[in-house]
Amino acid sequence: MDFTADEVRVLGVLIEKELTTPDYYPLTLNSLTTGCNQKSNRDPVMTFTETRAMRALDSLMRARLVGHAAGGGSRAEKFRHAVAEAWSLGAPEYAVLGVLMLRGPQTVGELRARTARHHAFESLEEVDAVLVALNEREEPLAMQLPRLPGQKEARFVHLLEGEPDLEALEAAAEKATVRKSDLADEITELRERLEALEAAFTEFRTQFE
């Protein structure tokens, strides 16, 4: 697997919209671009133009992972993915893969919660079984990451852009851990200041009682 970040974002959006808003799928170029630019449920947040989205679509069409949608009475050109057929994936598998493509490394619990609108998993074990299946393919589509600094649970990542840069992920995790620690210290300091102000106000008020 050697897709670009743009191609992964486009494929992920097509999968998401097919599973969560089927009445509006296949997607026009405009709708696809809007989906790529969403600020919620996206990691990282990206800024696409229609030209940028079309370049990714052209590449994916050459790989036969995206095609034009025929019929429907609409004059606007629409696009649909062919991931399930091309890679022989069931709905549970490409639901999980699609969320990994759009939201970065995630725990099993996060994946179960975030695929609720895509596919109803009854348990964490079902999600874990899908991740195992994605990893044990002849050409793996997902893998478990080593536990990084500040993380209590293992996370999983897709492999469409190749093996992840573990050093970069570790550095980002360490930075996030430091930031959380700094925020905790700031909150503690603010709480202490507030308690001191409340005590001073109470003492001041007693002078007039």
Protein backbone atom coordinates (compact mmCIF):
# COMPACT_ATOMS: atom_id res chain seq x y z
CA MET A 1 0.00 0.00 0.00
CA ASP A 2 1.40 3.37 -0.98
CA PHE A 3 -1.42 5.90 -1.14
CA THR A 4 -1.04 9.62 -0.53
CA ALA A 5 -2.71 11.38 2.38
CA ASP A 6 -5.09 13.07 -0.11
CA GLU A 7 -6.12 9.74 -1.62
CA VAL A 8 -6.72 8.27 1.82
CA ARG A 9 -8.87 11.24 2.82
CA VAL A 10 -10.98 10.99 -0.35
CA LEU A 11 -11.48 7.23 0.03
CA GLY A 12 -12.33 7.64 3.71
CA VAL A 13 -14.96 10.28 2.99
CA LEU A 14 -16.58 8.15 0.27
CA ILE A 15 -16.77 5.19 2.66
CA GLU A 16 -18.13 7.33 5.50
CA LYS A 17 -20.85 8.97 3.43
CA GLU A 18 -21.95 5.68 1.87
CA LEU A 19 -22.44 4.15 5.32
CA THR A 20 -23.78 7.15 7.27
CA THR A 21 -25.75 9.18 4.69
CA PRO A 22 -26.67 6.71 1.92
CA ASP A 23 -29.42 9.01 0.58
CA TYR A 24 -26.71 11.49 -0.47
CA TYR A 25 -24.30 8.93 -1.88
CA PRO A 26 -22.63 8.73 -4.46
CA LEU A 27 -21.04 12.16 -3.96
CA THR A 28 -20.62 15.12 -6.24
CA LEU A 29 -17.19 16.72 -6.37
CA ASN A 30 -18.49 19.60 -4.27
CA SER A 31 -19.92 17.29 -1.58
CA LEU A 32 -16.73 15.25 -1.54
CA THR A 33 -14.60 18.37 -1.10
CA THR A 34 -16.81 19.53 1.76
CA GLY A 35 -16.45 16.12 3.42
CA CYS A 36 -12.67 16.26 3.06
CA ASN A 37 -12.64 19.68 4.75
CA GLN A 38 -14.78 18.75 7.76
CA LYS A 39 -13.27 19.93 11.03
CA SER A 40 -15.16 17.40 13.15
CA ASN A 41 -14.36 13.67 13.01
CA ARG A 42 -11.12 14.33 11.11
CA ASP A 43 -7.50 13.87 12.14
CA PRO A 44 -5.70 15.69 10.76
CA VAL A 45 -7.92 18.56 9.59
CA MET A 46 -7.12 19.27 5.95
CA THR A 47 -7.94 22.02 3.44
CA PHE A 48 -9.06 20.77 0.03
CA THR A 49 -10.04 22.61 -3.12
CA GLU A 50 -12.10 20.85 -5.78
CA THR A 51 -8.96 20.71 -7.94
CA ARG A 52 -7.05 18.95 -5.16
CA ALA A 53 -9.90 16.48 -4.60
CA MET A 54 -10.14 15.82 -8.35
CA ARG A 55 -6.43 15.00 -8.56
CA ALA A 56 -6.88 12.38 -5.83
CA LEU A 57 -9.98 11.04 -7.58
CA ASP A 58 -8.13 10.72 -10.90
CA SER A 59 -5.39 8.69 -9.23
CA LEU A 60 -7.90 6.47 -7.41
CA MET A 61 -9.84 5.91 -10.63
CA ARG A 62 -6.67 4.75 -12.34
CA ALA A 63 -6.26 2.28 -9.46
CA ARG A 64 -9.91 1.21 -9.99
CA LEU A 65 -10.83 2.10 -6.42
CA VAL A 66 -13.19 4.91 -7.44
CA GLY A 67 -15.58 5.17 -10.36
CA HIS A 68 -18.23 7.41 -11.84
CA ALA A 69 -21.80 6.79 -10.70
CA ALA A 70 -24.35 6.41 -13.47
CA GLY A 71 -28.06 7.18 -13.40
CA GLY A 72 -30.12 8.96 -10.76
CA GLY A 73 -31.27 11.75 -13.05
CA SER A 74 -28.62 14.18 -11.79
CA ARG A 75 -26.58 16.26 -14.21
CA ALA A 76 -23.74 16.65 -11.71
CA GLU A 77 -20.91 14.16 -12.01
CA LYS A 78 -20.87 11.80 -9.02
CA PHE A 79 -18.32 9.39 -7.62
CA ARG A 80 -18.43 6.14 -5.66
CA HIS A 81 -15.72 3.96 -4.18
CA ALA A 82 -15.05 0.30 -4.99
CA VAL A 83 -13.00 -0.57 -1.89
CA ALA A 84 -15.20 -3.45 -0.76
CA GLU A 85 -15.04 -5.15 -4.15
CA ALA A 86 -11.39 -4.42 -4.87
CA TRP A 87 -10.13 -5.65 -1.51
CA SER A 88 -12.85 -8.23 -0.74
CA LEU A 89 -13.97 -6.47 2.44
CA GLY A 90 -17.20 -6.98 4.34
CA ALA A 91 -19.14 -4.05 5.80
CA PRO A 92 -17.58 -4.42 9.28
CA GLU A 93 -14.07 -4.36 7.84
CA TYR A 94 -14.40 -1.31 5.68
CA ALA A 95 -16.40 0.50 8.36
CA VAL A 96 -13.42 0.15 10.71
CA LEU A 97 -10.93 0.91 7.94
CA GLY A 98 -12.86 4.02 6.91
CA VAL A 99 -12.82 5.43 10.45
CA LEU A 100 -9.09 4.72 10.76
CA MET A 101 -8.54 6.57 7.49
CA LEU A 102 -10.37 9.67 8.74
CA ARG A 103 -9.44 9.83 12.41
CA GLY A 104 -5.92 8.47 12.82
CA PRO A 105 -4.71 5.97 15.44
CA GLN A 106 -7.48 4.78 17.76
CA THR A 107 -8.17 2.26 20.51
CA VAL A 108 -10.63 -0.61 20.10
CA GLY A 109 -13.10 1.26 22.31
CA GLU A 110 -12.83 4.43 20.27
CA LEU A 111 -13.36 2.48 17.06
CA ARG A 112 -16.48 0.80 18.41
CA ALA A 113 -17.94 4.16 19.47
CA ARG A 114 -17.00 5.95 16.27
CA THR A 115 -18.34 3.26 13.94
CA ALA A 116 -21.78 3.26 15.59
CA ARG A 117 -23.35 4.97 12.56
CA HIS A 118 -21.32 2.89 10.10
CA HIS A 119 -21.86 -0.60 11.47
CA ALA A 120 -23.32 -1.84 14.76
CA PHE A 121 -20.70 -3.81 16.67
CA GLU A 122 -22.11 -5.74 19.61
CA SER A 123 -18.85 -5.89 21.55
CA LEU A 124 -15.23 -4.81 21.70
CA GLU A 125 -14.31 -8.38 20.79
CA GLU A 126 -16.07 -8.00 17.43
CA VAL A 127 -14.05 -4.88 16.65
CA ASP A 128 -10.86 -6.62 17.73
CA ALA A 129 -11.66 -9.56 15.43
CA VAL A 130 -12.04 -7.16 12.48
CA LEU A 131 -8.69 -5.53 13.30
CA VAL A 132 -7.04 -8.96 13.41
CA ALA A 133 -8.58 -9.80 10.01
CA LEU A 134 -7.33 -6.53 8.52
CA ASN A 135 -3.84 -7.21 9.87
CA GLU A 136 -3.60 -10.85 8.81
CA ARG A 137 -4.36 -10.27 5.14
CA GLU A 138 -1.66 -11.08 2.59
CA GLU A 139 -1.19 -7.33 2.27
CA PRO A 140 -2.16 -5.97 5.73
CA LEU A 141 -4.49 -2.98 5.90
CA ALA A 142 -4.11 -2.19 9.61
CA MET A 143 -1.76 -2.84 12.51
CA GLN A 144 -1.47 -2.35 16.25
CA LEU A 145 0.94 0.36 17.36
CA PRO A 146 3.30 -0.03 20.31
CA ARG A 147 1.88 1.68 23.39
CA LEU A 148 3.16 5.25 23.33
CA PRO A 149 3.99 7.62 26.22
CA GLY A 150 0.93 8.66 28.22
CA GLN A 151 -1.33 6.02 26.65
CA LYS A 152 -3.13 3.42 28.75
CA GLU A 153 -4.40 1.37 25.78
CA ALA A 154 -2.92 0.18 22.51
CA ARG A 155 -3.97 1.99 19.36
CA PHE A 156 -4.47 0.79 15.80
CA VAL A 157 -3.64 2.51 12.52
CA HIS A 158 -4.33 1.87 8.83
CA LEU A 159 -1.45 0.97 6.51
CA LEU A 160 -2.66 2.57 3.26
CA GLU A 161 0.21 5.06 3.39
CA GLY A 162 2.72 2.38 4.33
CA GLU A 163 4.28 1.68 7.72
CA PRO A 164 3.70 4.51 10.21
CA ASP A 165 6.57 6.70 11.40
CA LEU A 166 6.82 5.40 14.98
CA GLU A 167 9.38 8.02 16.00
CA ALA A 168 7.08 10.84 14.88
CA LEU A 169 4.11 9.26 16.65
CA GLU A 170 6.15 8.84 19.85
CA ALA A 171 7.30 12.46 19.70
CA ALA A 172 3.71 13.64 19.22
CA ALA A 173 2.53 11.48 22.13
CA GLU A 174 5.27 12.84 24.40
CA LYS A 175 4.36 16.40 23.42
CA ALA A 176 0.69 15.74 24.19
CA THR A 177 1.63 14.20 27.55
CA VAL A 178 3.71 17.26 28.49
CA ARG A 179 0.87 19.55 27.44
CA LYS A 180 -1.61 17.60 29.57
CA SER A 181 0.76 17.82 32.52
CA ASP A 182 1.14 21.58 32.01
CA LEU A 183 -2.64 22.01 31.84
CA ALA A 184 -3.07 19.99 35.03
CA ASP A 185 -0.53 22.24 36.77
CA GLU A 186 -2.32 25.36 35.49
CA ILE A 187 -5.68 24.08 36.71
CA THR A 188 -4.21 23.28 40.15
CA GLU A 189 -2.69 26.76 40.38
CA LEU A 190 -5.97 28.43 39.35
CA ARG A 191 -7.88 26.36 41.88
CA GLU A 192 -5.47 27.40 44.64
CA ARG A 193 -5.82 31.07 43.65
CA LEU A 194 -9.59 30.79 43.67
CA GLU A 195 -9.58 29.19 47.11
CA ALA A 196 -7.29 31.99 48.38
CA LEU A 197 -9.60 34.66 46.95
CA GLU A 198 -12.65 32.99 48.50
CA ALA A 199 -10.90 32.87 51.88
CA ALA A 200 -9.86 36.54 51.60
CA PHE A 201 -13.39 37.56 50.64
CA THR A 202 -14.88 35.60 53.53
CA GLU A 203 -12.45 37.28 55.95
CA PHE A 204 -13.27 40.71 54.50
CA ARG A 205 -17.01 40.12 54.77
CA THR A 206 -16.79 39.09 58.44
CA GLN A 207 -15.55 42.60 59.28
CA PHE A 208 -18.99 43.99 58.49
CA GLU A 209 -21.10 41.38 60.23
